[in-house]
Amino acid sequence: MALLGLDPEVVAAARALAARAAEPVVEIARAHTTVAVERATLRLAGITGADTGHRAGDVPWVNRVVDTVREHCGLEHGVVLPAFHALREHDLATLTELAEATAAGQVRYTVPTGRDAQRAARAGRVAVAKGLRTIDRNRAQREKLVARLGDPPRRPWIYLIVATGDIDEDVVQAANAARAGADVIAVIRSTGQSLLDYVPEGATHHGFAGTYATQENFRIMRAAMDEVSREVGRYVRVTNYASGLCMPEIAVLGGLQRLDMMLNDSMYGILFRDINPIRTFVDQRFSRQVHARAGIIINTGEDNYLTTADAVEAAHTVTVSQLLNEHFAHEAGLPDELLGLGHAFEINPSLPESFRLELAHALLARELFPDAPLKWMPPTKHMTGNVFDGYLLDGFFNLAGVLTGQSILLVGMMTEAVVTPFLSDRDLALRNVRYVLDAAAGLREDFRPAPDGFIVKRAHQVLGEAVDLLGRIVRDGLLDAIADGTFGLMKRPPDGGKGADGVVEKAPGYVNPAADLLDEGATR
């Protein structure tokens, strides 16, 4: 139900400006590939494992192949033609065998032409299609399990984080959280993994403030939550991070292991991890195509802007980013029901009328994106270490989520800024959420801000400021806006940042069957 009386023409103008601002970046993304996109393609085609005998540590076989292809003949035509041509030339059965031969120095990669190129392209398409069919089966399996076990009986879904560093310990905490009422379990990634240009292999037990995102860790957590889902009588969703330098690969691995949500923002890696902007936009487009195919809900990262910029003064930048994220998502094939746009309860609580401002901002997001499963993030910036104040502030956050109809509510911890939460902290936090959700379950139907009151006026003001900013971005360019510190006060030039050397401009004749099949929606 619309409560803010937003002008449809202003909303339409905002979306049109977001599309114009995003389009040049989309064209850049279409014209380039990256080492991560090529690795993700080979993962879909079946390559697994790592070179465990390398003197500098384990090297994933997919990195070995892509790096060697680039060294021998470049990636301008993609990795598929050289790799599948070499498979046939050397009479090898699998890409993993090809990687082993590559490590032994037995393969010299070339870009085939003529019939050789056609045969390599056909073989690559068959192999990639097999991987996509696995993703399709996982999506169908999720739908069956949801139909059989049921979804949570109410919204918002309760989203809770585990972050022990040890996947086995994560499973224990996740299972207990689900039994206590959590609907979505998010496994926080080990600190710094977003800057690794490879995905570790196997189960891990030694992460730092989080657990490494690996295919085996995904499998372990999904299997454990399937078991708990049967126990609690509802489907428990699993979340991880498709971001950083391996964004496309992790998106593929999430699809192959039936993850349900993945954090995937169009600008987070640029702003907060100093990853090259072009690399990020190329990688996020491919990642979102994979998410769309897998039926994975993405979570965007606008909440992070408010941890570095003022949550009142920068409120309109959140709206602008949400509109840009929406356009990038739609262009990559993600429908609204998979678009978990982020925003946060981060206004300084000492500010007069802070709660009314939070309600205005949250309602604006809800009404701009009525069909999107919005992700509402708890206070972090102004958590002082006083657990009593923190518990109260989290209660107000939970109430705002109920009143404004948020879809996914991340559980706030009163020990934020003190320690990594203990099980007991999570239990108390979940009690807070359950109390507010039960006590105020139907309160939204009674909540009617005055048509010309503070909340409505503030929402209109933020939307107007967002339209003005989008107009400037259209004029100056999105890449320049990012370089100028428009979002989160972070200044990131388009030619700077980590991973820039992994960006490759496509040549005429570039072949990537994964991109083709995802564009076509085809299975073979």
Protein backbone atom coordinates (compact mmCIF):
# COMPACT_ATOMS: atom_id res chain seq x y z
CA MET A 1 0.00 0.00 0.00
CA ALA A 2 1.43 3.37 -1.06
CA LEU A 3 1.75 5.77 1.88
CA LEU A 4 4.09 8.43 0.54
CA GLY A 5 2.16 9.72 -2.48
CA LEU A 6 5.22 9.62 -4.71
CA ASP A 7 4.73 11.34 -8.07
CA PRO A 8 4.77 8.59 -10.75
CA GLU A 9 6.38 10.97 -13.22
CA VAL A 10 9.26 11.71 -10.83
CA VAL A 11 9.74 7.98 -10.19
CA ALA A 12 9.74 7.28 -13.93
CA ALA A 13 12.23 10.09 -14.52
CA ALA A 14 14.52 8.64 -11.86
CA ARG A 15 14.49 5.21 -13.51
CA ALA A 16 15.04 6.69 -16.96
CA LEU A 17 18.03 8.67 -15.70
CA ALA A 18 19.45 5.58 -13.96
CA ALA A 19 19.20 3.67 -17.23
CA ARG A 20 20.98 6.43 -19.13
CA ALA A 21 23.69 6.63 -16.47
CA ALA A 22 24.23 2.88 -16.51
CA GLU A 23 24.15 2.26 -20.26
CA PRO A 24 27.73 3.33 -21.08
CA VAL A 25 28.99 1.03 -18.33
CA VAL A 26 26.88 -1.85 -19.68
CA GLU A 27 28.46 -1.31 -23.09
CA ILE A 28 31.92 -1.44 -21.55
CA ALA A 29 30.98 -4.66 -19.74
CA ARG A 30 29.73 -6.23 -22.98
CA ALA A 31 32.94 -5.31 -24.79
CA HIS A 32 35.32 -6.82 -22.24
CA THR A 33 36.02 -10.05 -20.47
CA THR A 34 38.15 -10.79 -17.41
CA VAL A 35 40.28 -13.64 -16.15
CA ALA A 36 37.52 -14.34 -13.60
CA VAL A 37 34.81 -14.59 -16.27
CA GLU A 38 36.97 -17.02 -18.25
CA ARG A 39 37.67 -19.09 -15.13
CA ALA A 40 33.97 -19.15 -14.29
CA THR A 41 33.25 -20.43 -17.80
CA LEU A 42 35.68 -23.32 -17.38
CA ARG A 43 34.18 -24.12 -13.97
CA LEU A 44 30.80 -24.43 -15.65
CA ALA A 45 32.48 -26.71 -18.18
CA GLY A 46 33.59 -29.03 -15.39
CA ILE A 47 37.12 -28.19 -14.29
CA THR A 48 37.76 -28.87 -10.60
CA GLY A 49 40.64 -29.34 -8.17
CA ALA A 50 44.02 -27.74 -7.63
CA ASP A 51 47.71 -28.28 -8.21
CA THR A 52 48.63 -29.29 -4.66
CA GLY A 53 52.30 -29.76 -5.43
CA HIS A 54 53.07 -26.17 -6.37
CA ARG A 55 55.94 -24.78 -4.35
CA ALA A 56 54.15 -21.52 -3.54
CA GLY A 57 50.97 -23.29 -2.36
CA ASP A 58 47.95 -24.85 -3.99
CA VAL A 59 46.99 -23.36 -7.36
CA PRO A 60 43.48 -24.09 -8.67
CA TRP A 61 43.63 -25.94 -11.98
CA VAL A 62 41.33 -23.37 -13.52
CA ASN A 63 43.85 -20.61 -12.75
CA ARG A 64 46.63 -22.72 -14.23
CA VAL A 65 44.77 -23.13 -17.54
CA VAL A 66 43.51 -19.54 -17.89
CA ASP A 67 46.87 -18.02 -16.95
CA THR A 68 48.74 -20.25 -19.39
CA VAL A 69 46.30 -19.58 -22.23
CA ARG A 70 46.74 -15.88 -21.63
CA GLU A 71 50.52 -16.25 -21.67
CA HIS A 72 50.53 -18.31 -24.88
CA CYS A 73 47.88 -16.65 -27.04
CA GLY A 74 45.94 -14.09 -25.01
CA LEU A 75 42.33 -14.11 -23.84
CA GLU A 76 40.93 -11.72 -26.44
CA HIS A 77 39.16 -14.66 -28.10
CA GLY A 78 38.22 -16.25 -24.77
CA VAL A 79 39.62 -19.33 -23.08
CA VAL A 80 37.17 -21.83 -24.60
CA LEU A 81 38.62 -22.00 -28.12
CA PRO A 82 42.25 -22.60 -27.07
CA ALA A 83 41.31 -24.96 -24.20
CA PHE A 84 38.93 -27.22 -26.12
CA HIS A 85 41.18 -27.21 -29.17
CA ALA A 86 44.03 -28.40 -26.93
CA LEU A 87 41.80 -31.09 -25.42
CA ARG A 88 41.20 -32.52 -28.88
CA GLU A 89 44.79 -32.11 -30.04
CA HIS A 90 46.16 -33.98 -27.02
CA ASP A 91 43.32 -36.53 -26.89
CA LEU A 92 42.49 -35.69 -23.27
CA ALA A 93 39.18 -36.58 -21.67
CA THR A 94 38.65 -33.73 -19.19
CA LEU A 95 39.67 -30.17 -18.51
CA THR A 96 41.29 -31.30 -15.28
CA GLU A 97 43.55 -33.64 -17.28
CA LEU A 98 44.31 -30.71 -19.55
CA ALA A 99 45.29 -28.63 -16.52
CA GLU A 100 47.62 -31.36 -15.28
CA ALA A 101 49.27 -31.53 -18.70
CA THR A 102 49.52 -27.75 -18.71
CA ALA A 103 51.32 -27.76 -15.36
CA ALA A 104 53.74 -30.34 -16.74
CA GLY A 105 54.57 -28.05 -19.68
CA GLN A 106 53.10 -30.45 -22.24
CA VAL A 107 50.59 -28.07 -23.82
CA ARG A 108 51.13 -25.11 -26.11
CA TYR A 109 47.88 -23.15 -26.52
CA THR A 110 46.83 -21.50 -29.77
CA VAL A 111 43.63 -19.89 -31.05
CA PRO A 112 42.21 -22.31 -33.63
CA THR A 113 40.67 -21.17 -36.90
CA GLY A 114 38.28 -22.61 -39.43
CA ARG A 115 36.87 -26.07 -38.67
CA ASP A 116 39.13 -26.45 -35.65
CA ALA A 117 37.57 -23.34 -34.14
CA GLN A 118 34.06 -24.60 -34.90
CA ARG A 119 34.76 -27.95 -33.29
CA ALA A 120 36.27 -26.31 -30.19
CA ALA A 121 33.32 -23.94 -29.87
CA ARG A 122 30.82 -26.82 -30.16
CA ALA A 123 32.67 -28.91 -27.57
CA GLY A 124 32.86 -25.96 -25.22
CA ARG A 125 29.16 -25.26 -25.59
CA VAL A 126 28.27 -28.88 -24.78
CA ALA A 127 30.45 -28.85 -21.66
CA VAL A 128 29.18 -25.49 -20.40
CA ALA A 129 25.58 -26.49 -21.07
CA LYS A 130 26.08 -29.49 -18.80
CA GLY A 131 27.10 -27.18 -15.97
CA LEU A 132 24.12 -24.94 -16.56
CA ARG A 133 21.79 -27.95 -16.46
CA THR A 134 23.18 -28.74 -13.01
CA ILE A 135 22.28 -25.20 -11.95
CA ASP A 136 18.81 -25.64 -13.47
CA ARG A 137 18.29 -28.88 -11.52
CA ASN A 138 19.33 -27.15 -8.31
CA ARG A 139 16.82 -24.38 -8.91
CA ALA A 140 14.09 -26.95 -9.47
CA GLN A 141 15.18 -28.81 -6.34
CA ARG A 142 14.92 -25.62 -4.28
CA GLU A 143 11.41 -25.03 -5.57
CA LYS A 144 10.42 -28.59 -4.66
CA LEU A 145 11.84 -28.27 -1.16
CA VAL A 146 10.11 -24.94 -0.57
CA ALA A 147 6.84 -26.47 -1.76
CA ARG A 148 7.30 -29.50 0.49
CA LEU A 149 8.73 -27.84 3.62
CA GLY A 150 7.24 -24.38 3.29
CA ASP A 151 8.58 -20.86 3.51
CA PRO A 152 8.77 -18.95 6.80
CA PRO A 153 5.20 -18.08 7.85
CA ARG A 154 5.85 -14.33 7.88
CA ARG A 155 7.98 -11.52 6.50
CA PRO A 156 10.52 -10.19 7.07
CA TRP A 157 12.74 -13.23 6.87
CA ILE A 158 15.22 -13.27 9.74
CA TYR A 159 18.78 -13.21 8.40
CA LEU A 160 21.59 -14.20 10.75
CA ILE A 161 25.36 -14.27 10.28
CA VAL A 162 27.86 -16.95 11.29
CA ALA A 163 31.56 -16.18 11.14
CA THR A 164 33.76 -18.61 13.05
CA GLY A 165 36.40 -19.26 10.39
CA ASP A 166 35.80 -23.03 10.66
CA ILE A 167 33.11 -24.48 8.41
CA ASP A 168 32.31 -27.23 10.92
CA GLU A 169 31.78 -24.66 13.68
CA ASP A 170 29.74 -22.54 11.28
CA VAL A 171 27.42 -25.51 10.78
CA VAL A 172 26.86 -25.84 14.55
CA GLN A 173 26.06 -22.14 14.92
CA ALA A 174 23.89 -22.09 11.81
CA ALA A 175 21.86 -25.10 12.92
CA ASN A 176 21.25 -23.58 16.34
CA ALA A 177 20.28 -20.27 14.77
CA ALA A 178 17.77 -21.96 12.45
CA ARG A 179 16.25 -23.85 15.37
CA ALA A 180 15.94 -20.51 17.21
CA GLY A 181 14.07 -18.89 14.31
CA ALA A 182 16.59 -17.73 11.70
CA ASP A 183 15.30 -18.10 8.13
CA VAL A 184 18.49 -17.18 6.27
CA ILE A 185 22.01 -18.17 7.30
CA ALA A 186 24.82 -16.00 5.96
CA VAL A 187 28.36 -17.33 6.13
CA ILE A 188 30.71 -14.37 6.39
CA ARG A 189 33.79 -14.70 4.21
CA SER A 190 37.30 -14.75 5.62
CA THR A 191 38.83 -11.28 5.82
CA GLY A 192 40.66 -10.42 2.62
CA GLN A 193 39.24 -13.21 0.44
CA SER A 194 37.69 -10.66 -1.89
CA LEU A 195 41.23 -9.64 -2.90
CA LEU A 196 42.38 -13.16 -3.75
CA ASP A 197 42.40 -13.77 -7.49
CA TYR A 198 41.63 -17.45 -7.01
CA VAL A 199 39.07 -19.53 -5.12
CA PRO A 200 40.56 -21.89 -2.51
CA GLU A 201 39.72 -25.58 -2.77
CA GLY A 202 38.16 -27.87 -0.20
CA ALA A 203 36.75 -27.50 3.30
CA THR A 204 38.53 -24.88 5.40
CA HIS A 205 39.03 -24.50 9.15
CA HIS A 206 41.26 -21.46 9.53
CA GLY A 207 39.52 -18.33 8.28
CA PHE A 208 39.97 -14.86 9.76
CA ALA A 209 36.76 -13.25 11.09
CA GLY A 210 34.92 -15.49 8.64
CA THR A 211 35.13 -18.71 6.66
CA TYR A 212 36.58 -19.06 3.17
CA ALA A 213 34.05 -19.26 0.36
CA THR A 214 34.83 -22.57 -1.40
CA GLN A 215 32.72 -25.03 -3.34
CA GLU A 216 33.14 -27.67 -0.64
CA ASN A 217 32.19 -25.26 2.14
CA PHE A 218 29.09 -24.33 0.15
CA ARG A 219 28.19 -28.01 -0.19
CA ILE A 220 28.70 -28.70 3.52
CA MET A 221 26.53 -25.79 4.68
CA ARG A 222 23.77 -26.44 2.16
CA ALA A 223 23.60 -30.13 3.13
CA ALA A 224 23.49 -29.23 6.84
CA MET A 225 20.74 -26.69 6.36
CA ASP A 226 18.73 -29.16 4.28
CA GLU A 227 18.81 -31.49 7.27
CA VAL A 228 17.80 -28.71 9.66
CA SER A 229 15.08 -27.58 7.24
CA ARG A 230 13.44 -30.98 7.54
CA GLU A 231 13.75 -30.78 11.32
CA VAL A 232 12.21 -27.29 11.73
CA GLY A 233 9.61 -27.68 9.00
CA ARG A 234 10.61 -24.76 6.77
CA TYR A 235 13.22 -24.21 4.06
CA VAL A 236 16.30 -22.50 5.55
CA ARG A 237 18.17 -20.40 3.02
CA VAL A 238 21.96 -20.10 2.75
CA THR A 239 23.87 -16.96 1.76
CA ASN A 240 27.45 -16.22 0.77
CA TYR A 241 29.41 -13.53 -1.08
CA ALA A 242 29.73 -13.30 -4.87
CA SER A 243 31.99 -10.28 -4.78
CA GLY A 244 35.65 -9.40 -5.09
CA LEU A 245 38.12 -10.52 -7.73
CA CYS A 246 36.46 -13.96 -8.10
CA MET A 247 32.88 -12.74 -8.26
CA PRO A 248 31.91 -14.72 -11.41
CA GLU A 249 33.48 -17.96 -10.17
CA ILE A 250 31.80 -17.78 -6.78
CA ALA A 251 28.47 -17.07 -8.49
CA VAL A 252 28.92 -20.27 -10.51
CA LEU A 253 29.92 -22.28 -7.44
CA GLY A 254 26.89 -20.95 -5.57
CA GLY A 255 24.65 -22.08 -8.39
CA LEU A 256 26.30 -25.49 -8.56
CA GLN A 257 25.77 -26.02 -4.80
CA ARG A 258 22.24 -24.53 -4.52
CA LEU A 259 22.93 -21.44 -2.49
CA ASP A 260 19.85 -19.26 -2.21
CA MET A 261 21.21 -15.73 -1.80
CA MET A 262 24.51 -14.07 -2.62
CA LEU A 263 25.83 -10.63 -1.85
CA ASN A 264 26.42 -9.02 -5.23
CA ASP A 265 26.65 -5.26 -5.57
CA SER A 266 27.58 -3.32 -8.67
CA MET A 267 29.90 -0.89 -6.85
CA TYR A 268 30.81 -2.32 -3.42
CA GLY A 269 34.09 -3.87 -4.56
CA ILE A 270 35.11 -0.64 -6.27
CA LEU A 271 34.36 1.57 -3.29
CA PHE A 272 35.29 -0.53 -0.29
CA ARG A 273 37.89 -2.97 -1.65
CA ASP A 274 39.54 -0.71 -4.25
CA ILE A 275 38.94 -3.19 -7.06
CA ASN A 276 39.23 -1.74 -10.55
CA PRO A 277 35.86 -0.31 -11.70
CA ILE A 278 35.94 -1.89 -15.18
CA ARG A 279 36.87 -5.29 -13.71
CA THR A 280 33.96 -5.01 -11.27
CA PHE A 281 31.33 -4.02 -13.81
CA VAL A 282 32.35 -6.78 -16.24
CA ASP A 283 32.38 -9.39 -13.50
CA GLN A 284 29.10 -8.31 -11.92
CA ARG A 285 27.21 -8.51 -15.21
CA PHE A 286 28.26 -12.12 -15.79
CA SER A 287 27.64 -12.96 -12.12
CA ARG A 288 24.12 -11.59 -12.25
CA GLN A 289 23.35 -13.58 -15.36
CA VAL A 290 24.36 -16.69 -13.41
CA HIS A 291 22.27 -15.62 -10.41
CA ALA A 292 19.27 -15.07 -12.67
CA ARG A 293 19.68 -18.56 -14.11
CA ALA A 294 20.08 -20.11 -10.63
CA GLY A 295 17.15 -18.26 -9.07
CA ILE A 296 19.49 -16.78 -6.47
CA ILE A 297 18.41 -13.60 -4.66
CA ILE A 298 21.17 -11.02 -4.75
CA ASN A 299 21.80 -8.64 -1.85
CA THR A 300 23.26 -5.26 -2.75
CA GLY A 301 25.48 -3.16 -0.49
CA GLU A 302 24.07 0.34 -0.20
CA ASP A 303 24.10 0.03 3.59
CA ASN A 304 27.89 0.34 3.47
CA TYR A 305 27.73 3.91 2.14
CA LEU A 306 26.20 5.00 5.43
CA THR A 307 29.10 3.66 7.46
CA THR A 308 31.47 6.13 5.79
CA ALA A 309 29.13 8.99 4.83
CA ASP A 310 26.48 10.69 6.95
CA ALA A 311 23.23 8.72 6.80
CA VAL A 312 21.08 11.85 6.50
CA GLU A 313 23.18 13.92 4.12
CA ALA A 314 23.96 10.90 1.91
CA ALA A 315 20.52 9.29 1.97
CA HIS A 316 19.90 10.17 -1.67
CA THR A 317 23.10 8.38 -2.76
CA VAL A 318 21.59 5.17 -1.40
CA THR A 319 18.50 5.71 -3.55
CA VAL A 320 20.65 6.46 -6.60
CA SER A 321 22.69 3.30 -6.07
CA GLN A 322 19.52 1.24 -5.61
CA LEU A 323 18.18 2.54 -8.93
CA LEU A 324 21.48 1.79 -10.66
CA ASN A 325 21.64 -1.66 -9.12
CA GLU A 326 18.09 -2.28 -10.28
CA HIS A 327 18.94 -1.35 -13.86
CA PHE A 328 22.13 -3.42 -13.94
CA ALA A 329 20.19 -6.37 -12.50
CA HIS A 330 17.34 -6.11 -15.00
CA GLU A 331 19.77 -5.77 -17.89
CA ALA A 332 21.46 -9.00 -16.77
CA GLY A 333 18.13 -10.82 -16.55
CA LEU A 334 17.37 -10.64 -12.82
CA PRO A 335 13.66 -10.07 -12.11
CA ASP A 336 12.43 -7.95 -9.21
CA GLU A 337 11.74 -10.98 -7.03
CA LEU A 338 15.49 -11.76 -6.98
CA LEU A 339 16.60 -8.19 -6.33
CA GLY A 340 17.44 -7.80 -2.63
CA LEU A 341 18.32 -4.12 -2.62
CA GLY A 342 20.10 -3.04 0.55
CA HIS A 343 19.59 -0.13 2.92
CA ALA A 344 20.31 0.48 6.58
CA PHE A 345 19.31 1.96 9.94
CA GLU A 346 22.45 4.09 10.39
CA ILE A 347 21.32 7.58 11.41
CA ASN A 348 22.99 8.92 14.54
CA PRO A 349 20.51 8.09 17.35
CA SER A 350 21.34 11.34 19.13
CA LEU A 351 19.90 13.31 16.21
CA PRO A 352 16.40 14.69 16.94
CA GLU A 353 13.68 12.83 15.03
CA SER A 354 16.19 10.15 14.00
CA PHE A 355 13.56 7.40 14.10
CA ARG A 356 11.16 9.35 11.91
CA LEU A 357 13.98 9.92 9.43
CA GLU A 358 14.74 6.19 9.41
CA LEU A 359 11.07 5.46 8.71
CA ALA A 360 11.03 7.97 5.84
CA HIS A 361 14.10 6.44 4.20
CA ALA A 362 12.87 2.87 4.68
CA LEU A 363 9.41 3.65 3.33
CA LEU A 364 10.92 5.36 0.29
CA ALA A 365 12.88 2.22 -0.57
CA ARG A 366 9.84 0.03 0.00
CA GLU A 367 7.59 2.10 -2.27
CA LEU A 368 10.17 2.64 -5.01
CA PHE A 369 10.79 -1.12 -5.24
CA PRO A 370 7.50 -2.75 -4.21
CA ASP A 371 8.29 -6.19 -5.65
CA ALA A 372 11.93 -6.43 -4.53
CA PRO A 373 12.88 -8.42 -1.39
CA LEU A 374 14.58 -5.50 0.32
CA LYS A 375 17.36 -6.29 2.78
CA TRP A 376 17.21 -4.08 5.88
CA MET A 377 20.53 -3.74 7.70
CA PRO A 378 20.92 -3.03 11.45
CA PRO A 379 22.90 -0.23 13.10
CA THR A 380 26.66 -0.64 13.22
CA LYS A 381 28.27 2.79 12.91
CA HIS A 382 26.74 4.16 16.11
CA MET A 383 27.02 1.03 18.22
CA THR A 384 29.27 2.21 21.05
CA GLY A 385 29.98 -0.99 22.96
CA ASN A 386 27.24 -0.23 25.50
CA VAL A 387 25.25 -3.44 25.09
CA PHE A 388 22.15 -1.98 26.75
CA ASP A 389 21.97 0.96 24.36
CA GLY A 390 22.76 -1.41 21.50
CA TYR A 391 19.96 -3.81 22.40
CA LEU A 392 17.48 -0.91 22.53
CA LEU A 393 18.68 0.50 19.22
CA ASP A 394 18.32 -2.93 17.60
CA GLY A 395 14.76 -3.07 18.93
CA PHE A 396 13.95 0.23 17.21
CA PHE A 397 15.58 -1.13 14.04
CA ASN A 398 13.37 -4.22 14.19
CA LEU A 399 10.29 -2.06 14.72
CA ALA A 400 11.16 0.09 11.69
CA GLY A 401 11.48 -3.09 9.63
CA VAL A 402 7.99 -4.24 10.64
CA LEU A 403 6.37 -0.84 10.15
CA THR A 404 7.81 -0.32 6.67
CA GLY A 405 7.36 -3.86 5.33
CA GLN A 406 10.98 -4.87 4.85
CA SER A 407 11.56 -8.32 3.34
CA ILE A 408 14.85 -9.53 4.82
CA LEU A 409 15.89 -8.36 8.27
CA LEU A 410 19.49 -8.87 9.32
CA VAL A 411 19.72 -9.61 13.03
CA GLY A 412 21.45 -6.80 14.90
CA MET A 413 23.91 -7.72 17.66
CA MET A 414 24.21 -5.74 20.85
CA THR A 415 27.88 -6.78 20.99
CA GLU A 416 28.59 -5.06 17.67
CA ALA A 417 31.92 -3.20 18.03
CA VAL A 418 32.82 -5.29 21.10
CA VAL A 419 33.43 -8.93 20.16
CA THR A 420 32.56 -11.50 17.52
CA PRO A 421 29.13 -12.55 18.82
CA PHE A 422 28.83 -15.64 20.98
CA LEU A 423 25.94 -18.10 20.64
CA SER A 424 24.37 -16.46 23.69
CA ASP A 425 24.55 -13.05 21.98
CA ARG A 426 22.78 -14.46 18.94
CA ASP A 427 20.13 -16.03 21.14
CA LEU A 428 19.39 -12.70 22.84
CA ALA A 429 19.37 -10.89 19.49
CA LEU A 430 16.89 -13.40 18.06
CA ARG A 431 14.67 -12.95 21.14
CA ASN A 432 14.63 -9.23 20.41
CA VAL A 433 13.60 -9.85 16.81
CA ARG A 434 10.94 -12.40 17.72
CA TYR A 435 9.43 -10.15 20.36
CA VAL A 436 9.09 -7.18 18.01
CA LEU A 437 7.86 -9.27 15.08
CA ASP A 438 5.25 -10.98 17.26
CA ALA A 439 4.17 -7.92 19.23
CA ALA A 440 3.95 -5.59 16.21
CA ALA A 441 3.05 -8.14 13.52
CA GLY A 442 -0.03 -6.31 12.25
CA LEU A 443 0.97 -2.79 13.19
CA ARG A 444 1.79 -1.86 9.61
CA GLU A 445 -1.90 -1.79 8.71
CA ASP A 446 -2.41 0.98 11.31
CA PHE A 447 0.67 2.98 10.28
CA ARG A 448 -0.35 6.00 8.18
CA PRO A 449 2.11 8.90 8.08
CA ALA A 450 0.42 12.28 7.67
CA PRO A 451 0.16 13.19 3.96
CA ASP A 452 1.92 16.51 4.54
CA GLY A 453 3.89 15.43 7.58
CA PHE A 454 7.56 15.04 8.40
CA ILE A 455 8.01 11.47 7.07
CA VAL A 456 6.31 12.09 3.73
CA LYS A 457 8.13 15.37 3.13
CA ARG A 458 11.48 13.81 3.94
CA ALA A 459 10.90 10.92 1.52
CA HIS A 460 9.99 13.35 -1.27
CA GLN A 461 13.08 15.42 -0.50
CA VAL A 462 15.39 12.40 -0.74
CA LEU A 463 13.83 11.27 -4.02
CA GLY A 464 14.19 14.78 -5.46
CA GLU A 465 17.86 14.90 -4.44
CA ALA A 466 18.36 11.48 -6.04
CA VAL A 467 16.90 12.70 -9.33
CA ASP A 468 19.19 15.73 -9.26
CA LEU A 469 22.23 13.55 -8.61
CA LEU A 470 21.28 11.12 -11.38
CA GLY A 471 21.05 14.06 -13.76
CA ARG A 472 24.61 15.05 -12.88
CA ILE A 473 25.81 11.47 -13.32
CA VAL A 474 24.21 11.30 -16.79
CA ARG A 475 26.01 14.52 -17.68
CA ASP A 476 29.43 13.62 -16.24
CA GLY A 477 29.43 9.82 -16.49
CA LEU A 478 29.10 7.13 -13.82
CA LEU A 479 32.79 6.31 -13.83
CA ASP A 480 33.63 9.95 -13.17
CA ALA A 481 31.03 10.08 -10.38
CA ILE A 482 32.71 7.11 -8.73
CA ALA A 483 36.10 8.75 -9.16
CA ASP A 484 34.80 11.94 -7.52
CA GLY A 485 33.71 10.20 -4.31
CA THR A 486 29.97 10.45 -4.93
CA PHE A 487 29.22 7.15 -3.18
CA GLY A 488 30.42 6.57 0.37
CA LEU A 489 33.03 9.35 -0.01
CA MET A 490 35.36 6.84 -1.71
CA LYS A 491 37.26 8.14 -4.75
CA ARG A 492 38.10 5.37 -7.23
CA PRO A 493 39.47 6.31 -10.71
CA PRO A 494 38.49 4.00 -13.61
CA ASP A 495 42.09 3.07 -14.41
CA GLY A 496 43.09 2.33 -10.81
CA GLY A 497 42.42 -0.39 -8.31
CA LYS A 498 43.24 -4.05 -7.91
CA GLY A 499 42.64 -6.51 -10.72
CA ALA A 500 42.88 -4.01 -13.57
CA ASP A 501 45.43 -6.25 -15.29
CA GLY A 502 42.79 -8.98 -15.43
CA VAL A 503 40.55 -7.03 -17.83
CA VAL A 504 40.72 -7.93 -21.54
CA GLU A 505 39.02 -6.25 -24.47
CA LYS A 506 37.19 -8.78 -26.63
CA ALA A 507 38.44 -9.32 -30.16
CA PRO A 508 36.18 -9.99 -33.17
CA GLY A 509 35.47 -13.69 -33.01
CA TYR A 510 35.49 -13.88 -29.20
CA VAL A 511 33.75 -17.05 -28.05
CA ASN A 512 32.15 -17.70 -24.68
CA PRO A 513 29.39 -20.31 -24.72
CA ALA A 514 28.45 -19.49 -21.11
CA ALA A 515 27.66 -15.90 -22.05
CA ASP A 516 25.78 -17.08 -25.14
CA LEU A 517 23.71 -19.66 -23.27
CA LEU A 518 22.92 -17.23 -20.46
CA ASP A 519 21.87 -14.57 -22.97
CA GLU A 520 19.72 -17.07 -24.83
CA GLY A 521 18.30 -18.80 -21.75
CA ALA A 522 19.20 -22.03 -23.53
CA THR A 523 20.19 -25.39 -22.03
CA ARG A 524 22.28 -26.77 -24.89
